[in-house]
Protein backbone atom coordinates (compact mmCIF):
# COMPACT_ATOMS: atom_id res chain seq x y z
CA MET A 1 59.67 -38.20 -54.65
CA ALA A 2 56.31 -36.66 -53.79
CA SER A 3 56.87 -36.48 -50.02
CA ARG A 4 59.13 -33.44 -50.42
CA TYR A 5 56.25 -31.51 -51.95
CA LEU A 6 53.77 -32.91 -49.45
CA GLY A 7 55.98 -31.65 -46.62
CA ILE A 8 56.00 -28.16 -48.11
CA GLY A 9 52.24 -28.35 -48.58
CA LEU A 10 51.76 -29.43 -44.96
CA GLY A 11 53.85 -26.54 -43.70
CA LEU A 12 51.87 -24.08 -45.80
CA TRP A 13 48.61 -25.69 -44.65
CA PHE A 14 49.48 -25.29 -40.97
CA MET A 15 50.48 -21.67 -41.61
CA GLY A 16 47.23 -21.01 -43.46
CA ALA A 17 44.96 -22.92 -41.06
CA PRO A 18 44.26 -19.93 -38.78
CA PHE A 19 42.88 -18.03 -41.77
CA ILE A 20 41.06 -21.01 -43.31
CA TRP A 21 39.42 -22.19 -40.07
CA GLY A 22 39.03 -18.72 -38.57
CA TYR A 23 40.99 -19.26 -35.34
CA PRO A 24 40.76 -16.40 -32.87
CA LEU A 25 43.95 -14.41 -32.50
CA GLY A 26 45.81 -15.95 -29.60
CA PHE A 27 47.72 -19.07 -28.67
CA LEU A 28 46.10 -21.42 -31.20
CA TRP A 29 46.65 -18.93 -34.00
CA TRP A 30 50.37 -18.55 -33.25
CA HIS A 31 50.78 -22.25 -32.45
CA SER A 32 49.65 -23.19 -35.96
CA ILE A 33 51.85 -20.55 -37.62
CA VAL A 34 54.98 -21.63 -35.70
CA LEU A 35 54.28 -25.33 -36.26
CA GLY A 36 53.86 -24.73 -39.99
CA GLY A 37 57.10 -22.76 -40.09
CA ALA A 38 58.95 -25.57 -38.32
CA ILE A 39 57.56 -28.12 -40.78
CA LEU A 40 58.69 -25.91 -43.68
CA VAL A 41 62.21 -25.55 -42.25
CA VAL A 42 62.58 -29.30 -41.73
CA THR A 43 61.23 -30.11 -45.20
CA ILE A 44 63.38 -27.50 -46.94
CA SER A 45 66.49 -28.78 -45.13
CA PHE A 46 65.67 -32.24 -46.47
CA ASN A 47 65.10 -30.96 -50.02
CA LEU A 48 68.37 -29.04 -50.04
CA GLY A 49 70.26 -32.07 -48.82
CA ILE A 50 71.44 -30.28 -45.68
CA ASN A 51 69.97 -32.88 -43.38
CA ARG A 52 68.95 -36.35 -44.53
CA ILE A 53 67.49 -37.36 -41.15
CA SER A 54 64.75 -34.74 -41.39
CA GLY A 55 62.14 -37.48 -41.44
CA TRP A 56 62.67 -37.88 -37.70
CA GLY A 57 62.00 -34.18 -37.26
CA LEU A 58 58.75 -34.42 -39.18
CA ILE A 59 57.70 -37.45 -37.16
CA ALA A 60 58.35 -35.50 -33.95
CA LEU A 61 56.47 -32.44 -35.22
CA GLY A 62 53.54 -34.58 -36.34
CA ALA A 63 53.39 -36.35 -32.98
CA TYR A 64 53.50 -32.99 -31.20
CA SER A 65 50.70 -31.75 -33.44
CA MET A 66 48.56 -34.77 -32.59
CA PHE A 67 49.07 -34.41 -28.83
CA SER A 68 49.04 -30.60 -28.62
CA PRO A 69 45.23 -30.28 -28.20
CA PHE A 70 45.55 -32.45 -25.09
CA ILE A 71 48.76 -30.81 -23.85
CA HIS A 72 47.59 -27.21 -24.32
CA GLY A 73 43.90 -27.81 -23.61
CA TYR A 74 42.14 -26.50 -26.69
CA LEU A 75 39.88 -29.52 -27.08
CA SER A 76 36.83 -27.25 -27.19
CA ASN A 77 37.98 -25.73 -30.50
CA ALA A 78 36.68 -28.32 -32.98
CA GLN A 79 38.55 -26.90 -35.97
CA GLY A 80 41.87 -26.80 -34.12
CA LEU A 81 41.37 -30.30 -32.77
CA PHE A 82 40.47 -31.71 -36.19
CA ASN A 83 43.29 -29.87 -37.95
CA ASP A 84 46.00 -30.91 -35.52
CA LEU A 85 44.91 -34.54 -35.27
CA VAL A 86 44.33 -35.24 -38.97
CA PHE A 87 47.22 -33.24 -40.36
CA GLY A 88 49.47 -34.45 -37.55
CA ILE A 89 48.87 -38.02 -38.73
CA ILE A 90 49.66 -36.98 -42.31
CA THR A 91 52.82 -35.22 -41.09
CA VAL A 92 53.99 -38.38 -39.30
CA GLY A 93 53.39 -40.41 -42.48
CA THR A 94 55.32 -37.87 -44.53
CA GLY A 95 58.16 -38.03 -42.01
CA VAL A 96 58.27 -41.83 -42.36
CA ALA A 97 58.41 -41.49 -46.16
CA MET A 98 61.16 -38.86 -45.96
CA GLY A 99 63.08 -41.01 -43.48
CA GLY A 100 62.93 -43.94 -45.88
CA ALA A 101 64.06 -41.73 -48.74
CA GLY A 102 66.93 -40.44 -46.59
CA MET A 103 68.10 -44.00 -45.91
CA VAL A 104 67.97 -44.86 -49.60
CA TYR A 105 69.84 -41.68 -50.44
CA SER A 106 72.50 -42.43 -47.83
CA ASP A 107 73.01 -45.96 -49.18
CA GLU A 108 73.40 -44.66 -52.74
CA ALA A 109 75.89 -42.02 -51.61
CA ALA A 110 77.94 -44.59 -49.68
CA SER A 111 78.08 -47.03 -52.61
CA ALA A 112 79.07 -44.27 -55.05
CA ALA A 113 82.06 -43.24 -52.93
């Protein structure tokens, strides 16, 4: 399933975005690093089988990413706005895919028992 690797890639992207886009050191810089770390933790917990409902976590993180420019008021930073809106949408889609995979996995585990 490719969504597990996409989730890891999204986490790494958010962590690398301050360096790629050249964010000034401050809230937006740390916001992106922490958001990327949270996405990595959720995705890794899904990949290790610790938590099969991680798709909901990714959906929540993606929604937060999409609304964070409006919540925290960094609409004037075009790179931050673009990054959080576009990659937030991709994160929500990845969360939906992981949620579907978690349901399939749960059904297979229940029928095998």
